[in-house]
Amino acid sequence: MYKTVKTYITKERLSGDTYEEEVVIIANRLEISPGNYIEVPHPITEFIYKTANCFNSAKKKADTIVQFFNYINGQVDASNSDFKTLKHEGIKGLTWKHAADYLNHCNEDLENSRNTVQAKANVIKELYAFLDRYKVLENETVEYVKTVKNDTVVELVNAPFKHPETYVKFPPRDVDKTPKLKDLTIKHWRKFLEYCEKYEPSIAFGVYLQMMGGLRNGEVVNLDINSLTFDEAFNDLKVHIKDRQDVLFKGRSINPQNNEVKKPRVNQIVLNPFGDLSTFWSKHMMHRKKILDERKIDTPALFINRDGKAMTAESYKYRFNKVKAEFLNYLKIIDDPKYNDYSTFKWSTHIGRGIFTNFIISQGLCTIQGVFNPRLLADLRGDKNTSSAKDYIDTYNLVRTIELSNNIMVDELSKRRMAEAKLVQQCSKSLDENNFDSTLKSIKNTFNFENNKERYAM
């Protein structure tokens, strides 16, 4: 694990006096024995001091490099095929693909602002230029373009972030600040599925896969008819997720970034809590067959448009939003108390992953021996790392803290009630024995009213 470390170095002035200067270094945190760590300065720290002109600049660059390197380590540990060579090659094996994946992660998973993603991209471009200058990179070339800056000709790195294989999707300039909705109540998402079947049956099963399997819309449209594995009773379903654009969208002019599979995986589970998974599946297959028979064509795509061609992510999202409009209109007509929230907050196809996440948390499916496990949650969601589900984890921890506090309060109140009941018995017995003074003293000692006024205040 890499981290940014602030420290001080001793410097000498021309007068001979010495002083302490605050600096940052990039360190690799290594475990030398169970529970014992050391922080070893990384040679890439030299890049910081070759390119930064002040402490703040050095700190920002160090933080970006640390985040980039830790992301890479996470991908290597997750056996991401695009990163596996780095386990042996290290920094010399870096390519623009690694940089692009990280920057897209910053945009899509971390939801960094446009300025933040661009700032990180600039640091990484500087890093690659530094490594290129010292001939470290073995699998990548760095191209430069000349431009004039302050009446001086300078060379800038020409990063291939617009190339299809290394495309970086930067956040839009004018970001909508409307809060995002990440869940629907069970009653409401079940009703939404009904509306999908009614208004856009071609995506109803796909929305089910999102809500009960956590699939992204790009992953849904990349499924073919051989992607699903049911058990004999059609109760359990596992999905094989991979990018099939070269087959499903062959010869069509589409944006590959909008239809990509973020994390290919095998045996993604799909839950069947209400026993109607097979119903959604069979209805979908009948609807699909009807379209293909009418068009007299065939395709391996599981989700198709009205022309019988593989449905794109854009088309899928368009249909989803049509259903959403009908759904919200229904809630408005019946004066549903959730209408204001659902119509005000921003949500689209990605809410399926939120519903899936909240459902598996509520059902205790991401706990091991009663202990919440963020890594298990990430695996169930098909995430590369646990940071993508941070909001859900934070919410879970908050709820657990509140529950624990409530349990403590209930336990305290229960003890108080028991003490009161016991004293009532004692009072009755003591009064019968005309031992009033002793009883009063016992009450005062037990409750200690003067010292516990706030504790017992109701």
Protein backbone atom coordinates (compact mmCIF):
# COMPACT_ATOMS: atom_id res chain seq x y z
CA MET A 1 0.00 0.00 0.00
CA TYR A 2 1.29 3.43 -0.93
CA LYS A 3 0.74 6.58 1.10
CA THR A 4 1.74 10.22 1.18
CA VAL A 5 4.01 10.98 4.13
CA LYS A 6 4.77 14.46 5.42
CA THR A 7 8.16 14.86 7.08
CA TYR A 8 10.89 17.43 7.66
CA ILE A 9 14.40 17.73 6.32
CA THR A 10 17.18 19.90 7.67
CA LYS A 11 18.54 22.55 5.32
CA GLU A 12 21.38 25.03 5.67
CA ARG A 13 21.21 28.72 4.82
CA LEU A 14 24.12 30.65 3.27
CA SER A 15 24.79 32.11 6.70
CA GLY A 16 25.40 28.64 8.05
CA ASP A 17 22.19 28.46 10.07
CA THR A 18 19.98 25.39 9.66
CA TYR A 19 16.22 25.16 9.44
CA GLU A 20 13.51 22.51 9.05
CA GLU A 21 11.57 22.36 5.79
CA GLU A 22 8.34 20.39 5.47
CA VAL A 23 8.35 17.98 2.54
CA VAL A 24 6.28 15.07 1.27
CA ILE A 25 7.44 11.68 0.10
CA ILE A 26 5.68 8.74 -1.48
CA ALA A 27 6.18 5.72 0.73
CA ASN A 28 5.37 2.05 0.35
CA ARG A 29 3.88 0.62 3.55
CA LEU A 30 5.26 -2.90 4.04
CA GLU A 31 4.34 -5.48 6.66
CA ILE A 32 7.58 -6.95 8.04
CA SER A 33 5.80 -9.18 10.56
CA PRO A 34 2.16 -9.66 11.61
CA GLY A 35 0.91 -6.25 12.71
CA ASN A 36 4.28 -4.53 12.25
CA TYR A 37 4.78 -2.15 9.33
CA ILE A 38 7.53 0.05 7.97
CA GLU A 39 7.22 2.88 5.46
CA VAL A 40 9.88 2.75 2.77
CA PRO A 41 10.38 5.86 0.58
CA HIS A 42 9.60 5.08 -3.06
CA PRO A 43 12.04 6.23 -5.78
CA ILE A 44 9.14 7.86 -7.67
CA THR A 45 9.33 10.62 -5.04
CA GLU A 46 12.00 12.10 -7.28
CA PHE A 47 9.27 12.90 -9.79
CA ILE A 48 7.57 15.10 -7.17
CA TYR A 49 10.64 17.25 -6.64
CA LYS A 50 11.56 17.43 -10.31
CA THR A 51 8.16 18.86 -11.23
CA ALA A 52 6.65 20.59 -8.14
CA ASN A 53 7.59 24.14 -7.26
CA CYS A 54 6.07 24.36 -3.76
CA PHE A 55 4.85 22.19 -0.90
CA ASN A 56 1.16 22.35 -1.87
CA SER A 57 1.91 21.39 -5.44
CA ALA A 58 4.10 18.51 -4.24
CA LYS A 59 1.36 17.31 -1.89
CA LYS A 60 -1.31 17.31 -4.61
CA LYS A 61 0.93 15.42 -7.03
CA ALA A 62 1.95 12.90 -4.38
CA ASP A 63 -1.67 12.26 -3.43
CA THR A 64 -2.62 11.63 -7.07
CA ILE A 65 0.28 9.22 -7.65
CA VAL A 66 -0.51 7.37 -4.41
CA GLN A 67 -4.16 6.97 -5.41
CA PHE A 68 -3.14 5.84 -8.90
CA PHE A 69 -0.65 3.25 -7.61
CA ASN A 70 -3.07 1.91 -4.99
CA TYR A 71 -5.75 1.58 -7.67
CA ILE A 72 -3.29 -0.40 -9.79
CA ASN A 73 -2.47 -2.69 -6.86
CA GLY A 74 -6.17 -3.25 -6.32
CA GLN A 75 -6.63 -4.30 -9.95
CA VAL A 76 -3.65 -6.64 -9.77
CA ASP A 77 -5.08 -8.24 -6.60
CA ALA A 78 -8.47 -8.55 -8.30
CA SER A 79 -6.80 -10.41 -11.20
CA ASN A 80 -7.87 -7.82 -13.76
CA SER A 81 -6.39 -9.12 -17.01
CA ASP A 82 -5.41 -5.61 -18.15
CA PHE A 83 -3.20 -5.21 -15.08
CA LYS A 84 -1.80 -8.69 -14.42
CA THR A 85 1.56 -8.04 -16.15
CA LEU A 86 2.27 -5.19 -13.72
CA LYS A 87 2.64 -7.70 -10.90
CA HIS A 88 6.01 -8.65 -12.39
CA GLU A 89 6.88 -5.63 -14.53
CA GLY A 90 6.03 -2.90 -12.03
CA ILE A 91 6.20 0.74 -13.15
CA LYS A 92 8.05 -0.09 -16.37
CA GLY A 93 4.95 -1.95 -17.58
CA LEU A 94 2.60 1.05 -17.30
CA THR A 95 0.53 1.92 -20.37
CA TRP A 96 -2.02 4.58 -21.22
CA LYS A 97 -4.74 1.94 -20.76
CA HIS A 98 -3.91 1.77 -17.04
CA ALA A 99 -4.12 5.55 -16.75
CA ALA A 100 -7.43 5.67 -18.65
CA ASP A 101 -8.98 2.97 -16.46
CA TYR A 102 -8.00 4.88 -13.33
CA LEU A 103 -9.37 8.20 -14.59
CA ASN A 104 -12.66 6.59 -15.62
CA HIS A 105 -12.81 5.07 -12.13
CA CYS A 106 -12.40 8.58 -10.68
CA ASN A 107 -15.29 9.80 -12.80
CA GLU A 108 -17.74 6.92 -12.62
CA ASP A 109 -17.06 5.31 -9.22
CA LEU A 110 -15.63 8.14 -7.13
CA GLU A 111 -17.78 10.75 -8.91
CA ASN A 112 -14.97 13.28 -8.91
CA SER A 113 -15.69 16.66 -10.49
CA ARG A 114 -14.48 17.51 -13.98
CA ASN A 115 -11.75 19.77 -12.59
CA THR A 116 -10.53 17.03 -10.25
CA VAL A 117 -10.36 14.38 -12.98
CA GLN A 118 -8.55 16.80 -15.31
CA ALA A 119 -6.09 17.73 -12.57
CA LYS A 120 -5.34 14.04 -11.96
CA ALA A 121 -4.96 13.48 -15.69
CA ASN A 122 -2.41 16.30 -15.90
CA VAL A 123 -0.36 14.81 -13.07
CA ILE A 124 -0.40 11.37 -14.69
CA LYS A 125 0.66 12.86 -18.03
CA GLU A 126 3.57 14.55 -16.27
CA LEU A 127 4.44 11.24 -14.61
CA TYR A 128 4.50 9.40 -17.94
CA ALA A 129 6.66 12.14 -19.46
CA PHE A 130 9.07 11.81 -16.52
CA LEU A 131 9.24 8.02 -16.92
CA ASP A 132 9.66 8.40 -20.69
CA ARG A 133 12.47 10.90 -20.22
CA TYR A 134 14.38 8.39 -18.09
CA LYS A 135 13.47 5.54 -20.49
CA VAL A 136 11.61 3.58 -17.84
CA LEU A 137 8.51 2.67 -19.85
CA GLU A 138 8.97 -0.51 -21.86
CA ASN A 139 5.47 -1.12 -23.23
CA GLU A 140 4.35 2.40 -24.09
CA THR A 141 5.41 5.44 -26.05
CA VAL A 142 4.75 9.04 -25.08
CA GLU A 143 3.98 11.54 -27.84
CA TYR A 144 4.46 15.29 -27.50
CA VAL A 145 3.04 18.35 -29.19
CA LYS A 146 4.70 21.74 -29.33
CA THR A 147 2.85 24.86 -28.28
CA VAL A 148 3.63 28.43 -27.30
CA LYS A 149 3.27 29.42 -23.66
CA ASN A 150 4.32 32.87 -22.43
CA ASP A 151 6.21 33.49 -25.68
CA THR A 152 8.12 30.26 -25.19
CA VAL A 153 7.81 27.06 -27.22
CA VAL A 154 7.09 24.14 -24.89
CA GLU A 155 6.37 20.46 -25.39
CA LEU A 156 3.20 19.01 -23.89
CA VAL A 157 2.24 15.35 -23.55
CA ASN A 158 -0.34 14.26 -26.12
CA ALA A 159 -2.21 11.61 -24.14
CA PRO A 160 -4.45 9.29 -26.23
CA PHE A 161 -7.49 9.79 -24.02
CA LYS A 162 -9.77 10.15 -27.07
CA HIS A 163 -8.67 6.88 -28.64
CA PRO A 164 -11.34 4.11 -28.33
CA GLU A 165 -9.03 1.75 -26.39
CA THR A 166 -7.81 4.43 -23.97
CA TYR A 167 -10.85 6.68 -23.95
CA VAL A 168 -11.44 8.78 -20.83
CA LYS A 169 -14.98 9.96 -20.20
CA PHE A 170 -14.54 13.25 -18.36
CA PRO A 171 -17.47 14.58 -16.31
CA PRO A 172 -19.60 17.21 -18.08
CA ARG A 173 -18.77 20.87 -17.55
CA ASP A 174 -22.14 21.73 -16.03
CA VAL A 175 -22.80 19.02 -13.49
CA ASP A 176 -26.33 18.61 -12.21
CA LYS A 177 -26.15 19.02 -8.43
CA THR A 178 -29.51 17.31 -7.86
CA PRO A 179 -29.03 14.54 -5.26
CA LYS A 180 -29.17 10.99 -6.60
CA LEU A 181 -31.76 8.49 -5.45
CA LYS A 182 -30.15 5.15 -4.64
CA ASP A 183 -33.05 3.00 -3.53
CA LEU A 184 -36.80 2.40 -3.82
CA THR A 185 -38.94 0.65 -1.26
CA ILE A 186 -39.68 -3.00 -2.05
CA LYS A 187 -43.32 -2.12 -2.78
CA HIS A 188 -42.27 0.57 -5.23
CA TRP A 189 -39.59 -1.31 -7.14
CA ARG A 190 -41.97 -4.23 -7.51
CA LYS A 191 -44.55 -1.84 -8.95
CA PHE A 192 -41.89 -0.38 -11.26
CA LEU A 193 -41.24 -3.88 -12.64
CA GLU A 194 -44.97 -4.21 -13.33
CA TYR A 195 -44.86 -0.96 -15.28
CA CYS A 196 -41.85 -2.20 -17.26
CA GLU A 197 -43.85 -5.25 -18.33
CA LYS A 198 -46.77 -3.01 -19.24
CA TYR A 199 -45.03 -0.21 -21.14
CA GLU A 200 -41.60 -1.59 -22.21
CA PRO A 201 -41.62 -5.41 -21.97
CA SER A 202 -38.35 -5.58 -23.92
CA ILE A 203 -36.43 -4.32 -20.86
CA ALA A 204 -38.50 -5.75 -17.97
CA PHE A 205 -36.24 -8.77 -17.47
CA GLY A 206 -33.18 -6.53 -17.81
CA VAL A 207 -34.47 -4.24 -15.05
CA TYR A 208 -35.04 -7.34 -12.92
CA LEU A 209 -31.41 -8.37 -13.49
CA GLN A 210 -30.31 -4.92 -12.40
CA MET A 211 -32.46 -4.82 -9.27
CA MET A 212 -31.81 -8.39 -8.12
CA GLY A 213 -28.37 -8.95 -9.68
CA GLY A 214 -26.78 -5.50 -9.59
CA LEU A 215 -25.97 -5.41 -13.32
CA ARG A 216 -25.10 -2.12 -15.00
CA ASN A 217 -27.07 -1.21 -18.12
CA GLY A 218 -23.97 -1.74 -20.30
CA GLU A 219 -23.66 -5.23 -18.86
CA VAL A 220 -27.32 -6.00 -19.56
CA VAL A 221 -27.15 -5.12 -23.26
CA ASN A 222 -23.95 -7.19 -23.67
CA LEU A 223 -25.73 -10.41 -22.67
CA ASP A 224 -26.48 -13.08 -25.24
CA ILE A 225 -28.81 -16.08 -25.01
CA ASN A 226 -25.99 -18.26 -23.65
CA SER A 227 -25.04 -15.86 -20.85
CA LEU A 228 -27.50 -17.25 -18.30
CA THR A 229 -27.29 -20.47 -16.32
CA PHE A 230 -30.43 -21.63 -14.47
CA ASP A 231 -30.74 -24.56 -12.11
CA GLU A 232 -33.17 -27.35 -13.00
CA ALA A 233 -36.07 -25.73 -11.16
CA PHE A 234 -35.40 -22.31 -12.72
CA ASN A 235 -35.10 -20.81 -9.25
CA ASP A 236 -31.40 -19.93 -9.18
CA LEU A 237 -29.67 -17.91 -11.88
CA LYS A 238 -26.04 -17.10 -12.53
CA VAL A 239 -24.94 -14.66 -15.23
CA HIS A 240 -21.74 -14.71 -17.30
CA ILE A 241 -20.88 -11.07 -17.91
CA LYS A 242 -18.39 -10.08 -20.61
CA ASP A 243 -18.01 -7.49 -23.36
CA ARG A 244 -19.62 -8.91 -26.52
CA GLN A 245 -19.79 -5.69 -28.54
CA ASP A 246 -17.66 -7.11 -31.35
CA VAL A 247 -20.38 -9.71 -32.00
CA LEU A 248 -23.62 -8.03 -30.94
CA PHE A 249 -22.96 -4.60 -32.48
CA LYS A 250 -20.76 -5.61 -35.39
CA GLY A 251 -21.01 -3.18 -38.31
CA ARG A 252 -23.05 -0.63 -36.36
CA SER A 253 -21.95 2.93 -35.60
CA ILE A 254 -22.18 3.11 -31.81
CA ASN A 255 -20.09 4.60 -29.03
CA PRO A 256 -18.24 1.64 -27.46
CA GLN A 257 -17.69 3.50 -24.18
CA ASN A 258 -21.44 3.82 -23.62
CA ASN A 259 -21.95 0.09 -24.11
CA GLU A 260 -18.89 -1.31 -22.37
CA VAL A 261 -18.78 -3.94 -19.66
CA LYS A 262 -17.05 -2.40 -16.68
CA LYS A 263 -16.04 -5.61 -14.92
CA PRO A 264 -16.33 -8.94 -16.73
CA ARG A 265 -17.23 -11.73 -14.33
CA VAL A 266 -18.56 -15.26 -14.24
CA ASN A 267 -21.43 -16.53 -12.09
CA GLN A 268 -22.89 -13.20 -11.02
CA ILE A 269 -25.77 -14.25 -8.77
CA VAL A 270 -29.31 -13.02 -9.36
CA LEU A 271 -31.65 -13.20 -6.37
CA ASN A 272 -35.15 -14.66 -6.53
CA PRO A 273 -36.75 -13.52 -3.25
CA PHE A 274 -40.36 -13.58 -4.53
CA GLY A 275 -40.12 -16.72 -6.66
CA ASP A 276 -41.04 -14.99 -9.94
CA LEU A 277 -37.64 -14.96 -11.66
CA SER A 278 -38.66 -17.69 -14.11
CA THR A 279 -41.85 -15.75 -14.92
CA PHE A 280 -39.92 -12.64 -15.91
CA TRP A 281 -37.56 -14.81 -17.94
CA SER A 282 -40.25 -16.69 -19.84
CA LYS A 283 -42.22 -13.51 -20.63
CA HIS A 284 -39.05 -11.90 -21.94
CA MET A 285 -38.19 -14.84 -24.17
CA MET A 286 -41.72 -14.96 -25.61
CA HIS A 287 -41.61 -11.22 -26.36
CA ARG A 288 -38.16 -11.59 -27.94
CA LYS A 289 -39.29 -14.54 -30.08
CA LYS A 290 -42.33 -12.61 -31.30
CA ILE A 291 -40.15 -9.73 -32.58
CA LEU A 292 -37.61 -12.04 -34.24
CA ASP A 293 -40.37 -14.06 -35.92
CA GLU A 294 -42.02 -10.90 -37.24
CA ARG A 295 -38.71 -9.58 -38.59
CA LYS A 296 -37.66 -13.04 -39.85
CA ILE A 297 -34.14 -12.55 -38.48
CA ASP A 298 -32.02 -14.12 -35.78
CA THR A 299 -29.49 -12.75 -33.32
CA PRO A 300 -27.65 -14.07 -30.25
CA ALA A 301 -28.46 -10.84 -28.38
CA LEU A 302 -30.64 -11.40 -25.32
CA PHE A 303 -32.07 -7.87 -25.44
CA ILE A 304 -33.26 -6.57 -28.78
CA ASN A 305 -34.97 -3.48 -30.13
CA ARG A 306 -38.12 -3.33 -32.24
CA ASP A 307 -36.07 -4.12 -35.36
CA GLY A 308 -34.71 -7.31 -33.86
CA LYS A 309 -31.20 -5.91 -33.47
CA ALA A 310 -29.15 -5.90 -30.28
CA MET A 311 -30.38 -3.12 -28.02
CA THR A 312 -27.82 -0.42 -27.18
CA ALA A 313 -27.34 1.03 -23.72
CA GLU A 314 -28.70 4.37 -24.96
CA SER A 315 -31.88 2.71 -26.23
CA TYR A 316 -32.23 0.77 -22.99
CA LYS A 317 -31.90 3.92 -20.92
CA TYR A 318 -34.42 5.75 -23.12
CA ARG A 319 -36.99 2.99 -22.56
CA PHE A 320 -36.26 2.93 -18.82
CA ASN A 321 -36.94 6.65 -18.54
CA LYS A 322 -40.22 6.25 -20.42
CA VAL A 323 -41.33 3.71 -17.83
CA LYS A 324 -40.12 6.02 -15.07
CA ALA A 325 -42.36 8.82 -16.38
CA GLU A 326 -45.42 6.53 -16.34
CA PHE A 327 -44.49 5.24 -12.89
CA LEU A 328 -44.15 8.75 -11.42
CA ASN A 329 -47.45 9.78 -12.98
CA TYR A 330 -49.12 6.81 -11.28
CA LEU A 331 -47.65 7.80 -7.89
CA LYS A 332 -48.87 11.35 -8.41
CA ILE A 333 -52.40 10.23 -9.23
CA ILE A 334 -52.72 8.04 -6.13
CA ASP A 335 -51.06 10.74 -4.00
CA ASP A 336 -48.30 8.39 -2.90
CA PRO A 337 -46.22 9.88 -0.03
CA LYS A 338 -43.02 8.89 -1.85
CA TYR A 339 -43.91 10.85 -4.98
CA ASN A 340 -42.07 14.02 -3.95
CA ASP A 341 -38.82 12.17 -3.24
CA TYR A 342 -38.98 10.01 -6.35
CA SER A 343 -39.83 12.93 -8.63
CA THR A 344 -37.31 15.38 -7.12
CA PHE A 345 -34.20 13.24 -6.80
CA LYS A 346 -32.25 12.15 -9.86
CA TRP A 347 -32.33 8.46 -10.84
CA SER A 348 -32.14 6.25 -13.87
CA THR A 349 -31.01 2.71 -14.73
CA HIS A 350 -28.18 2.74 -12.18
CA ILE A 351 -30.71 2.71 -9.33
CA GLY A 352 -31.01 -1.03 -9.96
CA ARG A 353 -27.55 -1.50 -8.44
CA GLY A 354 -28.57 0.61 -5.47
CA ILE A 355 -31.71 -1.46 -4.92
CA PHE A 356 -29.67 -4.67 -5.16
CA THR A 357 -27.04 -3.34 -2.74
CA ASN A 358 -29.54 -2.19 -0.14
CA PHE A 359 -31.46 -5.45 -0.43
CA ILE A 360 -28.46 -7.73 0.16
CA ILE A 361 -27.34 -5.56 3.08
CA SER A 362 -30.81 -5.67 4.65
CA GLN A 363 -30.94 -9.45 4.24
CA GLY A 364 -27.51 -9.94 5.84
CA LEU A 365 -26.04 -11.46 2.68
CA CYS A 366 -22.74 -9.57 2.99
CA THR A 367 -21.88 -10.60 6.52
CA ILE A 368 -19.53 -13.34 7.66
CA GLN A 369 -20.33 -14.83 11.07
CA GLY A 370 -22.46 -11.80 11.81
CA VAL A 371 -19.76 -9.28 10.86
CA PHE A 372 -20.32 -6.94 7.90
CA ASN A 373 -17.74 -7.58 5.16
CA PRO A 374 -17.13 -4.74 2.64
CA ARG A 375 -15.10 -7.03 0.35
CA LEU A 376 -17.99 -9.49 0.11
CA LEU A 377 -20.35 -6.62 -0.70
CA ALA A 378 -18.00 -5.44 -3.47
CA ASP A 379 -17.80 -8.97 -4.89
CA LEU A 380 -21.58 -9.37 -4.90
CA ARG A 381 -21.89 -6.00 -6.69
CA GLY A 382 -19.17 -6.79 -9.20
CA ASP A 383 -16.98 -3.90 -8.03
CA LYS A 384 -13.23 -3.77 -8.47
CA ASN A 385 -12.76 -2.35 -4.99
CA THR A 386 -14.75 -1.46 -1.88
CA SER A 387 -14.66 2.32 -2.44
CA SER A 388 -17.48 2.12 -5.01
CA ALA A 389 -19.94 1.04 -2.30
CA LYS A 390 -18.60 3.49 0.30
CA ASP A 391 -21.90 5.38 0.60
CA TYR A 392 -23.77 2.14 1.30
CA ILE A 393 -21.13 1.02 3.80
CA ASP A 394 -21.24 4.39 5.57
CA THR A 395 -25.04 4.18 5.72
CA TYR A 396 -24.85 0.63 7.07
CA ASN A 397 -22.40 1.68 9.78
CA LEU A 398 -24.60 4.66 10.70
CA VAL A 399 -27.68 2.46 11.00
CA ARG A 400 -25.77 -0.09 13.10
CA THR A 401 -24.56 2.71 15.40
CA ILE A 402 -28.12 3.98 15.85
CA GLU A 403 -29.38 0.45 16.48
CA LEU A 404 -26.65 -0.13 19.05
CA SER A 405 -27.48 3.16 20.77
CA ASN A 406 -31.17 2.25 20.80
CA ASN A 407 -30.38 -1.18 22.26
CA ILE A 408 -28.33 0.43 25.03
CA MET A 409 -31.17 2.85 25.78
CA VAL A 410 -33.73 0.03 25.80
CA ASP A 411 -31.51 -2.07 28.03
CA GLU A 412 -31.02 0.85 30.44
CA LEU A 413 -34.74 1.52 30.52
CA SER A 414 -35.45 -2.16 31.13
CA LYS A 415 -33.08 -2.19 34.08
CA ARG A 416 -34.77 0.88 35.47
CA ARG A 417 -38.23 -0.70 35.17
CA MET A 418 -37.02 -3.82 36.92
CA ALA A 419 -35.53 -1.74 39.73
CA GLU A 420 -38.79 0.15 40.08
CA ALA A 421 -40.79 -3.07 40.27
CA LYS A 422 -38.45 -4.47 42.88
CA LEU A 423 -38.73 -1.29 44.96
CA VAL A 424 -42.50 -1.36 44.77
CA GLN A 425 -42.38 -4.81 46.31
CA GLN A 426 -39.94 -3.61 48.94
CA CYS A 427 -42.08 -0.57 49.71
CA SER A 428 -45.17 -2.67 50.15
CA LYS A 429 -43.38 -5.06 52.47
CA SER A 430 -41.60 -2.31 54.43
CA LEU A 431 -44.72 -0.21 54.89
CA ASP A 432 -46.49 -3.25 56.17
CA GLU A 433 -43.69 -3.59 58.71
CA ASN A 434 -43.88 0.17 59.52
CA ASN A 435 -40.25 0.57 58.39
CA PHE A 436 -40.84 3.75 56.36
CA ASP A 437 -37.44 5.43 57.00
CA SER A 438 -35.47 2.40 55.86
CA THR A 439 -37.53 2.15 52.67
CA LEU A 440 -37.02 5.82 51.78
CA LYS A 441 -33.24 5.44 52.23
CA SER A 442 -33.26 2.38 49.95
CA ILE A 443 -35.07 4.30 47.21
CA LYS A 444 -32.60 7.19 47.36
CA ASN A 445 -29.59 4.88 47.21
CA THR A 446 -30.94 2.89 44.28
CA PHE A 447 -31.88 5.79 42.02
CA ASN A 448 -29.45 8.43 43.32
CA PHE A 449 -31.77 11.06 41.88
CA GLU A 450 -29.51 14.06 42.42
CA ASN A 451 -26.66 12.55 40.42
CA ASN A 452 -28.79 11.00 37.68
CA LYS A 453 -31.42 13.60 36.80
CA GLU A 454 -30.34 13.80 33.15
CA ARG A 455 -29.81 10.04 32.86
CA TYR A 456 -33.34 9.22 33.87
CA ALA A 457 -35.03 12.23 32.30
CA MET A 458 -37.78 11.05 29.94
